[in-house]
Amino acid sequence: MQTNFTAEQLRDPGLARANEVLRSCVHCGFCTATCPTYQVLGDELDSPRGRIYLIKDMLETGRPADARTVLHIDRCLSCLACMTTCPSGVHYMHLVDEARSYIERTHQRPLMDRLLRAVLARIIPYPGRFRLALFAARLARPLKRLLPDARLRAMLDMAPARLPPVSRNDDPQTFAATGPRRMRLALMTGCAQRALNADINDATIRLLTRLGAEVVVARGQGCCGALTHHMGKTKLAHAAAAANIRAFMAEKAAGGLDGIIINTSGCGTTVKDYGHMFRTDPLAADAATVAGLALDVSEVLVTLGLPGGTPKGLRVAYHAACSLQHGQQIKSAPRDLLRRAGFEVVEPADSHLCCGSAGTYNLLQPAISAELKKRKVETLKARRPDIIAAGNIGCMMQIGSGTTVPILHTVELLDWATGGPRPRALDRP
C-alpha cells in the first residue's frame, strides 16, 4: 500500500511504525474470510482491510478521528485472526493499537462513553476494586430492566453467581519445587482473574512445583496493562506495564528467572510485546528482557514434561483463545497436553473465530459480542463435551455464561490429572 506521510510525521515513532505496517498491506482481502465482525456485520469497513483504509486516511491527514472511523475501530475485537491469515505479514495489532491511541488523544467521545471507559479502566485492573464492583453488580441485577444502556446491562450480567474467596497464594512469596529444582519461574497473577477465579493460579502453582519448578510471586506486579492499552489509554497502560517490568527485573536480579509464566493468554500477548511498547523508553532494555522471558503456561509445561496419564473417560472441547492461537501463535501445545494427561480432546467448528469476549469488548459492544458468543457456544456444544477447556479467563466467563457445560482452565485439568484436587467448577450446579 502506498503511503504519503511527511518526514515530520515519520519522526513520531508510532506513525513510523504505522507507516511500516500500512506499506506491507497488498489489499488482497484474505483477512475478510476470518474476521468475526465482518462475518457478523457484512460491512467492508468492519473488516481488517476496511479498517486499514480508515486508519491510513486518519493518520496521514493528521485530522482528529471522526465518529465514522471511531465506530468501526471500536467494533474491532483485536482477535488478530487477520494476522494469522495474512500472507503478507501485516502486523495489524501494532496498527490498530496506534489508531486507538490516536483516537483517545483526538476524539471527544459522548459523555456516557467517556464515563464507562473511565470506570472500566479504573476498576477492572485492580482486584480489590473489581471484587467490590462485582458484588455491587449482583445486588443491582434486579434493576437491570430499568437501565437504558445495553452496556450497563452487560456489566450487571458479567457478575458471577458467586465470588471466589481471595487466595493468599497471590501474595508476594516463593513456592518451593517438589524435589530437585529444575527452574525458577515468576508467576504473573493477573488482575481480573484474581477476582473472578482464584483456582487458576492455585492450580498453576501446584502443577509447576510438582514438576520441579520454584514459583515466585514477585512483589510490585499488577495488571499487565492490556485492558487500558486496547482502550487507547497509553499512559495508564504504560504505567502498569512499567511496574511489572521493574518488579520482574528486581526478582531476576535477586534470584534469577528462567521464565515469567502467564496463564491468561490476553495478558501474555501484551507482555510479549513489552519490547515494542517501550522501544523508545529508558526501560527499553528491561522491557525487552521481560518480553523475552514471558511464557504461556502451556509452553513451560511442554519444557518441563507432563507425565502421561491414563484415559479419564472425559471428552474435553478445547476452545482456542484468540490471544493464544493468533496473538502468540500457540496452537497445539494445550491440546497435546490435555491428550497426554488422558483426556479425549475435540475442537469446535470454526475454532479460529473469536468468542466475543476480547477484554472489555463484551461490555462495550454487547450486541456483537452476544452474537459471537451464541455462535461459539453452539459449535462447542455440537461436539457433546463433558467439559470445555480454555486458556483465558475472559473466554471462560464469556462462554460459561452461555452454557451449563463446566468450563475450566486447561491448567486446572492438567493439575487434577497429575495429582491435584478435583476442580471445584465440576461440582457446581
Protein backbone atom coordinates (compact mmCIF):
# COMPACT_ATOMS: atom_id res chain seq x y z
CA MET A 1 0.00 0.00 0.00
CA GLN A 2 1.36 3.42 -0.93
CA THR A 3 1.52 5.93 1.90
CA ASN A 4 2.13 9.67 1.99
CA PHE A 5 3.32 10.56 5.47
CA THR A 6 5.53 13.63 5.71
CA ALA A 7 9.09 13.48 7.00
CA GLU A 8 7.93 15.37 10.07
CA GLN A 9 5.17 12.85 10.75
CA LEU A 10 7.59 9.94 10.43
CA ARG A 11 9.68 11.34 13.26
CA ASP A 12 6.88 10.15 15.52
CA PRO A 13 7.70 6.51 16.42
CA GLY A 14 4.02 5.49 16.44
CA LEU A 15 3.37 6.93 12.98
CA ALA A 16 6.63 5.49 11.67
CA ARG A 17 5.54 2.02 12.79
CA ALA A 18 2.06 2.56 11.34
CA ASN A 19 3.68 3.51 8.03
CA GLU A 20 5.69 0.26 8.01
CA VAL A 21 2.56 -1.80 8.65
CA LEU A 22 0.46 0.03 6.07
CA ARG A 23 3.11 -0.40 3.39
CA SER A 24 3.11 -4.18 3.91
CA CYS A 25 -0.62 -4.47 3.05
CA VAL A 26 -1.37 -5.52 -0.54
CA HIS A 27 -5.19 -5.22 -0.38
CA CYS A 28 -5.65 -8.95 -1.01
CA GLY A 29 -8.66 -9.28 1.29
CA PHE A 30 -7.74 -12.70 2.70
CA CYS A 31 -8.34 -11.17 6.14
CA THR A 32 -12.06 -10.74 5.45
CA ALA A 33 -12.53 -14.51 5.42
CA THR A 34 -11.51 -14.89 9.07
CA CYS A 35 -12.68 -11.58 10.56
CA PRO A 36 -15.52 -12.21 13.06
CA THR A 37 -17.05 -8.74 12.80
CA TYR A 38 -17.11 -8.89 9.01
CA GLN A 39 -18.87 -12.24 9.21
CA VAL A 40 -21.49 -10.85 11.61
CA LEU A 41 -21.99 -7.39 10.08
CA GLY A 42 -21.05 -7.88 6.41
CA ASP A 43 -19.61 -4.36 6.15
CA GLU A 44 -16.25 -3.92 4.42
CA LEU A 45 -15.39 -1.20 6.94
CA ASP A 46 -15.81 -3.80 9.69
CA SER A 47 -13.09 -5.95 8.16
CA PRO A 48 -9.33 -5.51 8.70
CA ARG A 49 -8.88 -4.25 5.14
CA GLY A 50 -11.61 -1.66 5.58
CA ARG A 51 -10.24 -0.53 8.92
CA ILE A 52 -6.76 -0.25 7.44
CA TYR A 53 -8.08 2.24 4.86
CA LEU A 54 -9.81 4.25 7.58
CA ILE A 55 -6.69 4.27 9.77
CA LYS A 56 -4.46 5.27 6.85
CA ASP A 57 -6.66 8.23 5.98
CA MET A 58 -6.95 9.33 9.60
CA LEU A 59 -3.23 9.14 10.39
CA GLU A 60 -1.94 10.55 7.10
CA THR A 61 -4.15 13.62 7.18
CA GLY A 62 -3.48 14.20 10.87
CA ARG A 63 -7.11 15.15 11.36
CA PRO A 64 -8.96 14.36 14.60
CA ALA A 65 -10.68 10.99 14.47
CA ASP A 66 -14.27 11.30 13.25
CA ALA A 67 -17.29 9.39 14.53
CA ARG A 68 -17.41 7.07 11.49
CA THR A 69 -13.80 5.96 11.91
CA VAL A 70 -14.22 5.54 15.67
CA LEU A 71 -17.32 3.39 15.18
CA HIS A 72 -15.52 0.85 13.00
CA ILE A 73 -12.30 0.81 15.01
CA ASP A 74 -14.28 0.32 18.23
CA ARG A 75 -16.00 -2.69 16.66
CA CYS A 76 -12.65 -4.42 16.12
CA LEU A 77 -12.10 -7.25 18.62
CA SER A 78 -8.31 -7.25 18.24
CA CYS A 79 -8.68 -11.03 17.92
CA LEU A 80 -5.78 -10.94 15.42
CA ALA A 81 -7.20 -13.74 13.25
CA CYS A 82 -6.32 -11.46 10.35
CA MET A 83 -2.63 -11.69 11.29
CA THR A 84 -2.74 -15.48 11.17
CA THR A 85 -4.44 -15.36 7.77
CA CYS A 86 -2.44 -12.55 6.14
CA PRO A 87 0.05 -13.84 3.51
CA SER A 88 1.95 -10.53 3.60
CA GLY A 89 2.64 -10.48 7.33
CA VAL A 90 0.74 -7.26 8.03
CA HIS A 91 1.20 -6.56 11.76
CA TYR A 92 -2.35 -5.36 12.28
CA MET A 93 -2.00 -5.40 16.09
CA HIS A 94 0.51 -2.55 16.14
CA LEU A 95 -1.53 -0.59 13.61
CA VAL A 96 -4.86 -0.80 15.43
CA ASP A 97 -3.18 -0.08 18.76
CA GLU A 98 -1.71 3.12 17.31
CA ALA A 99 -5.12 4.02 15.89
CA ARG A 100 -6.78 3.58 19.27
CA SER A 101 -4.19 5.71 20.99
CA TYR A 102 -4.67 8.40 18.32
CA ILE A 103 -8.47 8.25 18.77
CA GLU A 104 -8.11 8.64 22.51
CA ARG A 105 -5.97 11.76 22.02
CA THR A 106 -8.02 13.46 19.30
CA HIS A 107 -11.65 12.38 19.61
CA GLN A 108 -14.22 13.64 22.11
CA ARG A 109 -16.49 10.70 22.86
CA PRO A 110 -20.06 11.18 24.13
CA LEU A 111 -20.24 11.67 27.88
CA MET A 112 -21.61 8.19 28.64
CA ASP A 113 -18.86 6.57 26.59
CA ARG A 114 -16.20 8.52 28.45
CA LEU A 115 -17.68 7.62 31.83
CA LEU A 116 -18.00 3.91 31.05
CA ARG A 117 -14.46 3.67 29.73
CA ALA A 118 -13.07 5.59 32.69
CA VAL A 119 -14.87 3.30 35.13
CA LEU A 120 -13.62 0.15 33.41
CA ALA A 121 -10.05 1.46 33.30
CA ARG A 122 -10.10 2.37 37.00
CA ILE A 123 -11.80 -0.77 38.32
CA ILE A 124 -11.04 -3.97 36.38
CA PRO A 125 -7.21 -3.78 36.65
CA TYR A 126 -7.47 -3.65 40.46
CA PRO A 127 -8.66 -6.94 42.02
CA GLY A 128 -9.98 -5.36 45.22
CA ARG A 129 -11.99 -2.70 43.42
CA PHE A 130 -13.19 -5.24 40.88
CA ARG A 131 -14.47 -7.62 43.55
CA LEU A 132 -16.44 -4.78 45.14
CA ALA A 133 -17.86 -3.82 41.74
CA LEU A 134 -18.91 -7.41 41.04
CA PHE A 135 -20.61 -7.62 44.42
CA ALA A 136 -22.45 -4.36 43.75
CA ALA A 137 -23.46 -5.62 40.30
CA ARG A 138 -25.03 -8.72 41.82
CA LEU A 139 -27.08 -6.55 44.19
CA ALA A 140 -28.18 -4.27 41.34
CA ARG A 141 -29.12 -7.06 38.93
CA PRO A 142 -32.86 -6.99 39.82
CA LEU A 143 -32.92 -3.42 38.48
CA LYS A 144 -31.35 -4.36 35.15
CA ARG A 145 -34.51 -3.80 33.10
CA LEU A 146 -34.61 -0.18 34.23
CA LEU A 147 -31.21 0.61 32.73
CA PRO A 148 -31.47 2.32 29.33
CA ASP A 149 -27.96 1.47 28.13
CA ALA A 150 -27.25 -2.09 26.94
CA ARG A 151 -23.66 -1.72 28.06
CA LEU A 152 -24.73 -1.15 31.65
CA ARG A 153 -26.93 -4.23 31.47
CA ALA A 154 -23.98 -6.20 30.14
CA MET A 155 -21.90 -5.08 33.10
CA LEU A 156 -24.51 -6.39 35.53
CA ASP A 157 -24.66 -9.68 33.64
CA MET A 158 -20.89 -10.07 33.97
CA ALA A 159 -21.06 -10.61 37.72
CA PRO A 160 -20.81 -14.34 38.55
CA ALA A 161 -23.37 -16.03 40.78
CA ARG A 162 -20.72 -16.40 43.46
CA LEU A 163 -17.37 -14.74 44.04
CA PRO A 164 -14.41 -16.99 44.92
CA PRO A 165 -12.58 -16.38 48.18
CA VAL A 166 -9.37 -14.39 47.99
CA SER A 167 -6.37 -16.68 47.55
CA ARG A 168 -3.38 -15.87 49.69
CA ASN A 169 -1.26 -17.65 47.08
CA ASP A 170 -1.45 -14.43 45.08
CA ASP A 171 0.51 -12.57 47.78
CA PRO A 172 4.27 -12.00 47.18
CA GLN A 173 6.08 -15.20 48.22
CA THR A 174 8.05 -18.17 46.97
CA PHE A 175 6.77 -21.72 46.49
CA ALA A 176 9.48 -24.37 46.66
CA ALA A 177 9.78 -27.03 43.99
CA THR A 178 8.85 -30.57 44.87
CA GLY A 179 12.12 -32.47 44.64
CA PRO A 180 15.18 -31.04 42.88
CA ARG A 181 14.64 -27.56 41.47
CA ARG A 182 14.69 -27.56 37.68
CA MET A 183 13.57 -24.00 37.04
CA ARG A 184 12.84 -20.75 38.82
CA LEU A 185 9.72 -19.11 37.42
CA ALA A 186 7.84 -15.92 38.23
CA LEU A 187 4.05 -16.22 38.05
CA MET A 188 2.08 -13.24 36.78
CA THR A 189 -1.01 -13.41 38.98
CA GLY A 190 -3.06 -11.00 36.88
CA CYS A 191 -5.87 -8.69 37.92
CA ALA A 192 -9.39 -9.63 36.80
CA GLN A 193 -8.57 -13.33 37.13
CA ARG A 194 -7.75 -12.90 40.81
CA ALA A 195 -11.27 -11.59 41.40
CA LEU A 196 -13.13 -13.96 39.09
CA ASN A 197 -11.38 -17.32 39.55
CA ALA A 198 -8.68 -17.80 42.17
CA ASP A 199 -8.49 -21.54 41.41
CA ILE A 200 -6.46 -20.96 38.23
CA ASN A 201 -3.37 -19.51 39.92
CA ASP A 202 -3.63 -22.07 42.72
CA ALA A 203 -3.67 -24.92 40.20
CA THR A 204 -0.78 -23.37 38.26
CA ILE A 205 1.38 -23.17 41.37
CA ARG A 206 0.61 -26.77 42.39
CA LEU A 207 1.31 -28.11 38.92
CA LEU A 208 4.55 -26.22 38.33
CA THR A 209 6.03 -27.03 41.74
CA ARG A 210 5.04 -30.70 41.29
CA LEU A 211 7.05 -30.73 38.06
CA GLY A 212 10.14 -29.28 39.70
CA ALA A 213 9.77 -25.52 39.32
CA GLU A 214 10.28 -22.99 42.07
CA VAL A 215 7.50 -20.44 41.65
CA VAL A 216 7.83 -16.89 42.87
CA VAL A 217 5.11 -14.25 43.07
CA ALA A 218 7.03 -11.01 42.59
CA ARG A 219 6.35 -8.04 44.83
CA GLY A 220 5.05 -4.98 42.98
CA GLN A 221 3.50 -6.72 39.98
CA GLY A 222 -0.06 -5.99 38.91
CA CYS A 223 -2.20 -5.61 35.79
CA CYS A 224 -0.23 -6.21 32.60
CA GLY A 225 -1.75 -3.08 31.02
CA ALA A 226 -3.63 -4.90 28.24
CA LEU A 227 -7.07 -3.60 29.18
CA THR A 228 -6.14 0.09 29.08
CA HIS A 229 -3.73 -0.45 26.17
CA HIS A 230 -6.56 -1.72 23.96
CA MET A 231 -8.74 1.22 25.02
CA GLY A 232 -6.09 3.62 23.74
CA LYS A 233 -5.23 4.84 27.24
CA THR A 234 -1.49 4.69 26.62
CA LYS A 235 -0.29 6.46 29.78
CA LEU A 236 -2.26 4.16 32.07
CA ALA A 237 -1.19 1.08 30.13
CA HIS A 238 2.49 2.00 30.18
CA ALA A 239 2.40 2.84 33.88
CA ALA A 240 1.01 -0.63 34.64
CA ALA A 241 3.49 -2.31 32.33
CA ALA A 242 6.43 -0.35 33.77
CA ALA A 243 5.53 -1.51 37.28
CA ASN A 244 5.64 -5.12 36.09
CA ILE A 245 8.93 -4.64 34.27
CA ARG A 246 10.54 -3.25 37.41
CA ALA A 247 9.04 -5.97 39.62
CA PHE A 248 10.21 -8.84 37.41
CA MET A 249 13.64 -7.36 36.80
CA ALA A 250 14.10 -6.96 40.57
CA GLU A 251 13.18 -10.62 41.01
CA LYS A 252 15.55 -11.61 38.24
CA ALA A 253 18.36 -9.69 39.88
CA ALA A 254 17.60 -11.21 43.30
CA GLY A 255 17.43 -14.88 42.38
CA GLY A 256 17.45 -15.31 38.62
CA LEU A 257 14.48 -16.26 36.44
CA ASP A 258 14.08 -18.91 33.78
CA GLY A 259 10.73 -17.55 32.73
CA ILE A 260 7.71 -15.41 33.58
CA ILE A 261 4.65 -17.65 33.49
CA ILE A 262 1.34 -16.25 32.29
CA ASN A 263 -1.89 -18.24 32.46
CA THR A 264 -4.16 -15.57 30.99
CA SER A 265 -3.37 -15.50 27.29
CA GLY A 266 -4.68 -11.97 26.80
CA CYS A 267 -2.01 -10.81 29.24
CA GLY A 268 0.62 -12.97 27.58
CA THR A 269 0.16 -11.34 24.18
CA THR A 270 0.68 -7.90 25.72
CA VAL A 271 3.65 -8.82 27.93
CA LYS A 272 5.41 -10.45 24.99
CA ASP A 273 5.01 -7.09 23.20
CA TYR A 274 6.58 -5.01 26.01
CA GLY A 275 9.78 -4.67 23.95
CA HIS A 276 7.84 -2.89 21.21
CA MET A 277 5.76 -0.83 23.62
CA PHE A 278 8.87 0.54 25.35
CA ARG A 279 11.21 0.66 22.35
CA THR A 280 11.85 4.41 22.76
CA ASP A 281 11.71 4.45 26.57
CA PRO A 282 14.59 4.33 29.07
CA LEU A 283 13.11 0.97 30.14
CA ALA A 284 13.60 -0.45 26.63
CA ALA A 285 16.30 -2.97 27.52
CA ASP A 286 14.50 -4.22 30.62
CA ALA A 287 11.20 -4.36 28.73
CA ALA A 288 12.78 -6.49 26.02
CA THR A 289 14.22 -8.81 28.68
CA VAL A 290 10.84 -9.26 30.36
CA ALA A 291 9.16 -9.84 26.99
CA GLY A 292 11.76 -12.49 26.18
CA LEU A 293 11.14 -14.29 29.48
CA ALA A 294 7.35 -14.31 29.12
CA LEU A 295 5.85 -17.76 28.51
CA ASP A 296 2.33 -19.08 28.38
CA VAL A 297 1.92 -21.79 30.99
CA SER A 298 1.43 -24.38 28.24
CA GLU A 299 4.85 -23.54 26.80
CA VAL A 300 6.70 -24.20 30.03
CA LEU A 301 4.70 -27.37 30.70
CA VAL A 302 5.94 -28.75 27.40
CA THR A 303 9.51 -27.99 28.51
CA LEU A 304 9.09 -29.48 31.98
CA GLY A 305 7.46 -32.59 30.55
CA LEU A 306 3.98 -33.52 31.75
CA PRO A 307 3.66 -37.15 32.91
CA GLY A 308 1.43 -39.31 30.74
CA GLY A 309 -1.96 -40.15 32.21
CA THR A 310 -4.43 -42.98 31.90
CA PRO A 311 -7.67 -42.39 29.96
CA LYS A 312 -10.08 -40.30 32.04
CA GLY A 313 -13.25 -41.14 30.12
CA LEU A 314 -13.99 -37.42 29.71
CA ARG A 315 -14.45 -35.54 26.46
CA VAL A 316 -12.94 -32.07 26.59
CA ALA A 317 -13.87 -29.46 23.97
CA TYR A 318 -10.85 -27.20 23.69
CA HIS A 319 -11.57 -23.54 22.96
CA ALA A 320 -8.52 -21.82 21.47
CA ALA A 321 -8.39 -18.28 22.83
CA CYS A 322 -7.60 -15.74 20.10
CA SER A 323 -4.80 -14.21 22.14
CA LEU A 324 -3.18 -17.65 22.35
CA GLN A 325 -3.66 -19.01 18.83
CA HIS A 326 -3.37 -15.72 16.92
CA GLY A 327 -1.61 -13.34 19.30
CA GLN A 328 1.06 -15.83 20.43
CA GLN A 329 0.77 -18.47 17.70
CA ILE A 330 0.43 -21.23 20.32
CA LYS A 331 -1.91 -23.78 18.82
CA SER A 332 -1.03 -27.41 19.50
CA ALA A 333 0.56 -27.33 22.96
CA PRO A 334 -2.62 -27.06 25.09
CA ARG A 335 -4.40 -29.77 23.09
CA ASP A 336 -1.37 -32.06 23.20
CA LEU A 337 -1.00 -31.62 26.95
CA LEU A 338 -4.65 -32.46 27.59
CA ARG A 339 -4.39 -35.58 25.44
CA ARG A 340 -1.20 -36.64 27.20
CA ALA A 341 -2.96 -36.23 30.55
CA GLY A 342 -5.61 -38.73 29.44
CA PHE A 343 -8.49 -36.59 28.18
CA GLU A 344 -10.28 -37.04 24.88
CA VAL A 345 -9.89 -33.69 23.14
CA VAL A 346 -12.23 -32.33 20.48
CA GLU A 347 -12.40 -28.92 18.81
CA PRO A 348 -15.38 -26.93 17.59
CA ALA A 349 -16.02 -25.93 14.01
CA ASP A 350 -14.50 -22.56 13.09
CA SER A 351 -12.15 -22.77 16.04
CA HIS A 352 -10.23 -19.77 14.67
CA LEU A 353 -13.17 -17.43 15.37
CA CYS A 354 -13.47 -15.27 18.48
CA CYS A 355 -15.98 -15.98 21.26
CA GLY A 356 -16.68 -12.24 21.61
CA SER A 357 -15.06 -11.63 24.99
CA ALA A 358 -11.95 -9.68 23.91
CA GLY A 359 -11.13 -7.83 27.11
CA THR A 360 -13.83 -5.20 27.63
CA TYR A 361 -15.42 -5.80 24.21
CA ASN A 362 -18.32 -7.79 25.66
CA LEU A 363 -19.12 -4.80 27.86
CA LEU A 364 -18.66 -2.05 25.28
CA GLN A 365 -20.08 -3.88 22.23
CA PRO A 366 -22.65 -6.20 23.85
CA ALA A 367 -24.78 -6.90 20.75
CA ILE A 368 -21.91 -8.11 18.52
CA SER A 369 -20.35 -9.93 21.46
CA ALA A 370 -23.60 -11.75 22.21
CA GLU A 371 -23.89 -12.97 18.62
CA LEU A 372 -20.30 -14.24 18.63
CA LYS A 373 -20.89 -15.96 21.97
CA LYS A 374 -24.00 -17.67 20.64
CA ARG A 375 -22.13 -18.99 17.61
CA LYS A 376 -19.17 -20.18 19.69
CA VAL A 377 -21.32 -21.94 22.29
CA GLU A 378 -23.31 -23.69 19.57
CA THR A 379 -20.17 -25.05 17.90
CA LEU A 380 -18.74 -26.20 21.24
CA LYS A 381 -21.94 -27.93 22.36
CA ALA A 382 -22.21 -29.65 18.98
CA ARG A 383 -19.17 -31.72 20.00
CA ARG A 384 -21.12 -33.02 23.04
CA PRO A 385 -18.34 -32.40 25.55
CA ASP A 386 -18.28 -33.24 29.25
CA ILE A 387 -16.03 -30.25 29.87
CA ILE A 388 -14.92 -27.15 27.96
CA ALA A 389 -11.30 -26.03 28.42
CA ALA A 390 -9.73 -22.67 27.62
CA GLY A 391 -6.58 -20.75 28.47
CA ASN A 392 -8.02 -17.30 29.10
CA ILE A 393 -10.31 -16.09 31.89
CA GLY A 394 -12.22 -13.73 29.60
CA CYS A 395 -13.17 -16.57 27.26
CA MET A 396 -14.12 -18.73 30.23
CA MET A 397 -16.51 -16.10 31.59
CA GLN A 398 -17.97 -15.38 28.15
CA ILE A 399 -18.59 -18.98 27.14
CA GLY A 400 -19.59 -20.05 30.64
CA SER A 401 -22.42 -17.52 30.65
CA GLY A 402 -23.96 -19.27 27.65
CA THR A 403 -23.85 -22.94 28.62
CA THR A 404 -24.23 -25.28 31.59
CA VAL A 405 -21.29 -27.40 30.43
CA PRO A 406 -18.49 -26.88 33.00
CA ILE A 407 -15.70 -24.68 31.69
CA LEU A 408 -12.24 -24.86 33.22
CA HIS A 409 -8.81 -23.50 32.57
CA THR A 410 -6.56 -26.01 30.84
CA VAL A 411 -4.15 -25.89 33.77
CA GLU A 412 -6.90 -26.91 36.23
CA LEU A 413 -7.48 -30.10 34.27
CA LEU A 414 -3.76 -30.83 33.99
CA ASP A 415 -3.29 -30.26 37.72
CA TRP A 416 -6.17 -32.64 38.50
CA ALA A 417 -4.81 -35.27 36.13
CA THR A 418 -1.38 -35.22 37.78
CA GLY A 419 -2.42 -35.46 41.42
CA GLY A 420 -4.15 -32.19 42.23
CA PRO A 421 -7.64 -31.82 43.68
CA ARG A 422 -10.80 -32.22 41.63
CA PRO A 423 -11.67 -28.79 40.19
CA ARG A 424 -14.49 -27.14 42.09
CA ALA A 425 -16.14 -25.99 38.87
CA LEU A 426 -17.04 -29.61 38.08
CA ASP A 427 -19.27 -29.81 41.14
CA ARG A 428 -21.08 -26.51 40.84
CA PRO A 429 -24.75 -26.62 39.81
